Amino acid sequence: MKQSISLQVDVEWYRPKSTTTPWRWGERKDSRVDPAWSKRNVIYRWVRASDGAIAMIGETERLLTERVDNYIHAKAEGGAGSTNRRLNEEARRLSNGSDHLYIEIATEVPGFDLSDTRERRLAECLLTAVSRPYLK
């Protein structure tokens, strides 16, 4: 039996701020300047500034600032996971060519309860499948 499925999900992405401007890789984060850094249970995506290409999509139940710090401080020779290392290497590669990564978050995905781990991960998978990030 063949089943046709069509799906439309409108997601609003928000780019957190640093102290005065939209945040970019390596800049200071302050939840007093932008409360988004204190958010939990979000979907995030890393975006290449030069062309808007999506490098990676993820989800976290932790504070956004903690998750971002894991990526920024990942060391190739350290105990960081492969995803953290890959994104960190990409950010360093881009910065050598006058480009950078920035993060955007979604605090809501219609039809999904992002405070529920299973639903948040399902929403992440759906957005990843549709967006096709260039870092695998």
Protein backbone atom coordinates (compact mmCIF):
# COMPACT_ATOMS: atom_id res chain seq x y z
CA MET A 1 0.00 0.00 0.00
CA LYS A 2 1.36 3.39 -1.00
CA GLN A 3 0.88 6.32 1.36
CA SER A 4 1.39 9.92 0.37
CA ILE A 5 2.57 12.20 3.16
CA SER A 6 2.95 15.94 2.89
CA LEU A 7 4.10 18.05 5.75
CA GLN A 8 4.52 21.75 6.31
CA VAL A 9 6.06 23.02 9.51
CA ASP A 10 6.79 26.71 9.99
CA VAL A 11 9.70 27.23 12.36
CA GLU A 12 10.83 30.63 13.57
CA TRP A 13 14.59 30.80 14.06
CA TYR A 14 16.12 33.35 16.43
CA ARG A 15 19.76 34.47 16.43
CA PRO A 16 20.99 35.25 19.97
CA LYS A 17 22.96 38.42 20.59
CA SER A 18 26.41 39.02 22.03
CA THR A 19 26.91 42.17 24.08
CA THR A 20 26.00 44.57 21.24
CA THR A 21 25.50 42.65 18.00
CA PRO A 22 24.14 39.30 16.78
CA TRP A 23 26.43 36.60 18.21
CA ARG A 24 29.07 34.86 16.12
CA TRP A 25 31.43 31.97 16.89
CA GLY A 26 33.79 32.79 19.75
CA GLU A 27 32.14 35.97 20.99
CA ARG A 28 31.03 36.54 24.56
CA LYS A 29 27.61 35.29 25.65
CA ASP A 30 25.64 36.99 28.40
CA SER A 31 22.15 35.97 29.48
CA ARG A 32 21.66 39.45 30.97
CA VAL A 33 22.03 40.92 27.47
CA ASP A 34 20.01 38.19 25.75
CA PRO A 35 17.94 35.77 27.85
CA ALA A 36 18.03 33.25 24.96
CA TRP A 37 21.39 32.04 26.33
CA SER A 38 19.51 30.72 29.38
CA LYS A 39 16.96 28.77 27.34
CA ARG A 40 16.69 24.99 27.64
CA ASN A 41 14.93 22.43 25.43
CA VAL A 42 15.69 24.09 22.13
CA ILE A 43 16.55 23.06 18.60
CA TYR A 44 19.60 24.89 17.25
CA ARG A 45 21.33 25.18 13.93
CA TRP A 46 24.79 26.38 13.01
CA VAL A 47 24.81 28.62 9.94
CA ARG A 48 27.69 29.69 7.69
CA ALA A 49 27.57 33.49 7.49
CA SER A 50 28.82 33.91 3.92
CA ASP A 51 25.98 32.04 2.24
CA GLY A 52 23.50 30.92 4.92
CA ALA A 53 24.34 27.24 4.44
CA ILE A 54 23.34 25.12 7.41
CA ALA A 55 26.34 23.33 8.84
CA MET A 56 24.60 21.33 11.56
CA ILE A 57 21.31 20.97 13.43
CA GLY A 58 21.04 19.75 17.00
CA GLU A 59 18.91 19.74 20.12
CA THR A 60 19.65 20.22 23.78
CA GLU A 61 17.91 20.01 27.10
CA ARG A 62 20.78 21.92 28.73
CA LEU A 63 21.29 25.67 28.84
CA LEU A 64 22.08 26.95 25.36
CA THR A 65 25.22 28.67 26.62
CA GLU A 66 26.53 25.36 28.03
CA ARG A 67 25.93 23.55 24.76
CA VAL A 68 27.64 26.26 22.72
CA ASP A 69 30.63 26.19 25.09
CA ASN A 70 31.00 22.45 24.42
CA TYR A 71 31.40 23.15 20.72
CA ILE A 72 33.71 26.15 21.14
CA HIS A 73 36.08 24.43 23.57
CA ALA A 74 36.26 21.07 21.76
CA LYS A 75 39.82 19.94 21.21
CA ALA A 76 40.86 17.58 18.42
CA GLU A 77 43.09 15.62 20.78
CA GLY A 78 40.81 15.88 23.83
CA GLY A 79 37.80 13.95 25.01
CA ALA A 80 35.29 15.94 22.96
CA GLY A 81 32.80 14.00 20.88
CA SER A 82 33.26 13.77 17.12
CA THR A 83 30.34 16.13 16.43
CA ASN A 84 31.85 18.80 18.69
CA ARG A 85 35.27 18.38 17.07
CA ARG A 86 33.88 18.52 13.52
CA LEU A 87 32.00 21.75 14.15
CA ASN A 88 34.96 23.31 15.96
CA GLU A 89 37.26 22.41 13.05
CA GLU A 90 34.78 23.92 10.57
CA ALA A 91 34.57 27.14 12.59
CA ARG A 92 38.37 27.43 12.65
CA ARG A 93 38.60 26.70 8.92
CA LEU A 94 36.02 29.39 8.14
CA SER A 95 37.70 31.99 10.36
CA ASN A 96 40.93 31.55 8.34
CA GLY A 97 38.98 32.62 5.26
CA SER A 98 37.20 35.64 6.82
CA ASP A 99 33.94 33.76 7.35
CA HIS A 100 32.25 32.46 10.51
CA LEU A 101 29.49 30.35 11.97
CA TYR A 102 26.61 31.65 14.01
CA ILE A 103 23.83 29.89 15.87
CA GLU A 104 20.07 30.19 15.56
CA ILE A 105 17.56 28.58 17.89
CA ALA A 106 13.95 27.49 17.71
CA THR A 107 12.06 27.39 20.98
CA GLU A 108 8.91 26.03 19.35
CA VAL A 109 8.23 23.56 16.58
CA PRO A 110 4.49 23.28 15.90
CA GLY A 111 3.15 19.85 16.83
CA PHE A 112 6.13 18.97 19.06
CA ASP A 113 6.66 19.40 22.80
CA LEU A 114 10.32 20.41 23.02
CA SER A 115 10.38 19.78 26.78
CA ASP A 116 9.87 16.07 26.01
CA THR A 117 13.17 14.44 25.00
CA ARG A 118 11.64 12.06 22.47
CA GLU A 119 9.60 14.77 20.74
CA ARG A 120 12.52 17.24 20.73
CA ARG A 121 14.75 14.62 19.08
CA LEU A 122 12.05 13.76 16.56
CA ALA A 123 11.70 17.46 15.68
CA GLU A 124 15.49 17.68 15.29
CA CYS A 125 15.50 14.66 12.95
CA LEU A 126 12.69 16.12 10.86
CA LEU A 127 14.45 19.47 10.50
CA THR A 128 17.75 17.75 9.71
CA ALA A 129 16.12 15.61 7.00
CA VAL A 130 14.53 18.65 5.38
CA SER A 131 17.50 21.02 5.75
CA ARG A 132 20.28 18.59 4.78
CA PRO A 133 23.18 20.20 6.74
CA TYR A 134 26.53 20.05 4.96
CA LEU A 135 28.48 18.65 7.94
CA LYS A 136 27.65 14.97 8.40
